[in-house]
Amino acid sequence: MTCMIVGEPNQTYEKTKGTIWRSHESFMEAFRLMDNQALPKEWCENLMTQITGSKGDGGEVVKALIDPMRLQEYVTFFPFFKTLSKMVYLAMT
């Protein structure tokens, strides 16, 4: 998610936690300014596979989101995840 928001394939949460992830407001501002065309199409295709899986059965990202043991950790990110997956899809088209 951080890579998509920043537009650089090598970005990480650790590198941006003091800016993008500092607060809900800073995250929303970065998300609003995101350029979903900044990353290469191949990178976006790989991310979409990680989200949806190769057979549409849910990739590792979806499986992590719906894992009952991690639900509390990810429930607040679900709306962002839905928006991110749509942005990745649009970047591929």
C-alpha atoms as a PDB file:
ATOM      1  CA  MET A   1       0.000   0.000   0.000  1.00  0.00           C
ATOM      2  CA  THR A   2       2.830   2.391   0.845  1.00  0.00           C
ATOM      3  CA  CYS A   3       4.482   1.823  -2.540  1.00  0.00           C
ATOM      4  CA  MET A   4       1.267   2.611  -4.381  1.00  0.00           C
ATOM      5  CA  ILE A   5       0.614   5.763  -2.368  1.00  0.00           C
ATOM      6  CA  VAL A   6       4.158   7.095  -2.728  1.00  0.00           C
ATOM      7  CA  GLY A   7       4.568   5.885  -6.316  1.00  0.00           C
ATOM      8  CA  GLU A   8       7.920   4.211  -5.700  1.00  0.00           C
ATOM      9  CA  PRO A   9       8.309   0.398  -5.722  1.00  0.00           C
ATOM     10  CA  ASN A  10      10.935   0.372  -2.952  1.00  0.00           C
ATOM     11  CA  GLN A  11       9.043   2.356  -0.327  1.00  0.00           C
ATOM     12  CA  THR A  12       8.115   0.695   2.953  1.00  0.00           C
ATOM     13  CA  TYR A  13       5.969   1.413   5.962  1.00  0.00           C
ATOM     14  CA  GLU A  14       9.110   1.875   8.053  1.00  0.00           C
ATOM     15  CA  LYS A  15      10.449   4.592   5.741  1.00  0.00           C
ATOM     16  CA  THR A  16       7.178   6.543   5.722  1.00  0.00           C
ATOM     17  CA  LYS A  17       5.621   5.930   9.130  1.00  0.00           C
ATOM     18  CA  GLY A  18       6.607   9.422  10.289  1.00  0.00           C
ATOM     19  CA  THR A  19       4.892  11.092   7.327  1.00  0.00           C
ATOM     20  CA  ILE A  20       2.113   9.154   5.594  1.00  0.00           C
ATOM     21  CA  TRP A  21       1.250   6.958   8.555  1.00  0.00           C
ATOM     22  CA  ARG A  22       1.664   9.661  11.230  1.00  0.00           C
ATOM     23  CA  SER A  23      -2.082  10.273  11.518  1.00  0.00           C
ATOM     24  CA  HIS A  24      -5.374   9.511   9.851  1.00  0.00           C
ATOM     25  CA  GLU A  25      -5.317  12.981   8.288  1.00  0.00           C
ATOM     26  CA  SER A  26      -1.810  12.607   6.853  1.00  0.00           C
ATOM     27  CA  PHE A  27      -2.734   9.197   5.439  1.00  0.00           C
ATOM     28  CA  MET A  28      -5.893  10.550   3.816  1.00  0.00           C
ATOM     29  CA  GLU A  29      -3.975  13.481   2.316  1.00  0.00           C
ATOM     30  CA  ALA A  30      -1.313  11.176   0.849  1.00  0.00           C
ATOM     31  CA  PHE A  31      -4.015   8.838  -0.443  1.00  0.00           C
ATOM     32  CA  ARG A  32      -5.851  11.773  -2.054  1.00  0.00           C
ATOM     33  CA  LEU A  33      -2.671  12.913  -3.824  1.00  0.00           C
ATOM     34  CA  MET A  34      -1.703   9.408  -4.981  1.00  0.00           C
ATOM     35  CA  ASP A  35      -0.850   8.974  -8.664  1.00  0.00           C
ATOM     36  CA  ASN A  36      -1.914   5.447  -9.537  1.00  0.00           C
ATOM     37  CA  GLN A  37      -0.046   5.678 -12.860  1.00  0.00           C
ATOM     38  CA  ALA A  38       3.354   6.322 -11.220  1.00  0.00           C
ATOM     39  CA  LEU A  39       4.324   2.650 -10.894  1.00  0.00           C
ATOM     40  CA  PRO A  40       5.133   0.319 -13.784  1.00  0.00           C
ATOM     41  CA  LYS A  41       2.245  -1.762 -15.099  1.00  0.00           C
ATOM     42  CA  GLU A  42       4.120  -4.986 -14.321  1.00  0.00           C
ATOM     43  CA  TRP A  43       4.490  -3.963 -10.682  1.00  0.00           C
ATOM     44  CA  CYS A  44       0.751  -3.268 -10.479  1.00  0.00           C
ATOM     45  CA  GLU A  45      -0.056  -6.628 -12.080  1.00  0.00           C
ATOM     46  CA  ASN A  46       2.092  -8.369  -9.482  1.00  0.00           C
ATOM     47  CA  LEU A  47       0.350  -6.503  -6.669  1.00  0.00           C
ATOM     48  CA  MET A  48      -3.061  -7.399  -8.090  1.00  0.00           C
ATOM     49  CA  THR A  49      -2.033 -11.066  -8.106  1.00  0.00           C
ATOM     50  CA  GLN A  50      -0.994 -10.734  -4.463  1.00  0.00           C
ATOM     51  CA  ILE A  51      -4.434  -9.261  -3.745  1.00  0.00           C
ATOM     52  CA  THR A  52      -6.687 -11.533  -5.802  1.00  0.00           C
ATOM     53  CA  GLY A  53      -4.610 -14.671  -6.227  1.00  0.00           C
ATOM     54  CA  SER A  54      -3.941 -16.345  -9.530  1.00  0.00           C
ATOM     55  CA  LYS A  55      -7.311 -18.131  -9.616  1.00  0.00           C
ATOM     56  CA  GLY A  56      -9.473 -15.434  -8.087  1.00  0.00           C
ATOM     57  CA  ASP A  57      -9.510 -17.304  -4.782  1.00  0.00           C
ATOM     58  CA  GLY A  58      -7.879 -14.479  -2.882  1.00  0.00           C
ATOM     59  CA  GLY A  59      -4.183 -13.820  -2.742  1.00  0.00           C
ATOM     60  CA  GLU A  60      -1.949 -13.486   0.277  1.00  0.00           C
ATOM     61  CA  VAL A  61      -3.182  -9.935   0.956  1.00  0.00           C
ATOM     62  CA  VAL A  62      -6.854 -10.984   1.071  1.00  0.00           C
ATOM     63  CA  LYS A  63      -6.045 -14.039   3.149  1.00  0.00           C
ATOM     64  CA  ALA A  64      -4.221 -11.837   5.672  1.00  0.00           C
ATOM     65  CA  LEU A  65      -7.178  -9.422   5.798  1.00  0.00           C
ATOM     66  CA  ILE A  66      -9.740 -12.137   6.508  1.00  0.00           C
ATOM     67  CA  ASP A  67      -7.624 -14.186   8.901  1.00  0.00           C
ATOM     68  CA  PRO A  68      -9.672 -14.299  12.142  1.00  0.00           C
ATOM     69  CA  MET A  69      -6.476 -14.047  14.213  1.00  0.00           C
ATOM     70  CA  ARG A  70      -5.543 -10.743  12.535  1.00  0.00           C
ATOM     71  CA  LEU A  71      -8.991  -9.262  11.979  1.00  0.00           C
ATOM     72  CA  GLN A  72      -8.688  -6.624  14.697  1.00  0.00           C
ATOM     73  CA  GLU A  73      -5.353  -5.500  13.252  1.00  0.00           C
ATOM     74  CA  TYR A  74      -6.687  -4.971   9.707  1.00  0.00           C
ATOM     75  CA  VAL A  75     -10.356  -4.061  10.097  1.00  0.00           C
ATOM     76  CA  THR A  76      -9.674  -0.302  10.041  1.00  0.00           C
ATOM     77  CA  PHE A  77      -7.709  -0.650   6.800  1.00  0.00           C
ATOM     78  CA  PHE A  78     -10.427  -2.532   4.917  1.00  0.00           C
ATOM     79  CA  PRO A  79     -11.953   0.562   3.212  1.00  0.00           C
ATOM     80  CA  PHE A  80      -8.469   1.656   2.155  1.00  0.00           C
ATOM     81  CA  PHE A  81      -7.725  -1.819   0.866  1.00  0.00           C
ATOM     82  CA  LYS A  82     -10.858  -1.755  -1.304  1.00  0.00           C
ATOM     83  CA  THR A  83      -9.873   1.634  -2.714  1.00  0.00           C
ATOM     84  CA  LEU A  84      -6.276   0.521  -3.226  1.00  0.00           C
ATOM     85  CA  SER A  85      -7.318  -2.571  -5.168  1.00  0.00           C
ATOM     86  CA  LYS A  86      -9.481  -0.380  -7.430  1.00  0.00           C
ATOM     87  CA  MET A  87      -6.577   2.037  -7.953  1.00  0.00           C
ATOM     88  CA  VAL A  88      -4.264  -0.857  -8.861  1.00  0.00           C
ATOM     89  CA  TYR A  89      -6.869  -2.196 -11.279  1.00  0.00           C
ATOM     90  CA  LEU A  90      -7.180   1.235 -12.927  1.00  0.00           C
ATOM     91  CA  ALA A  91      -3.388   1.515 -13.181  1.00  0.00           C
ATOM     92  CA  MET A  92      -3.308  -1.741 -15.124  1.00  0.00           C
ATOM     93  CA  THR A  93      -5.885  -0.622 -17.694  1.00  0.00           C
END
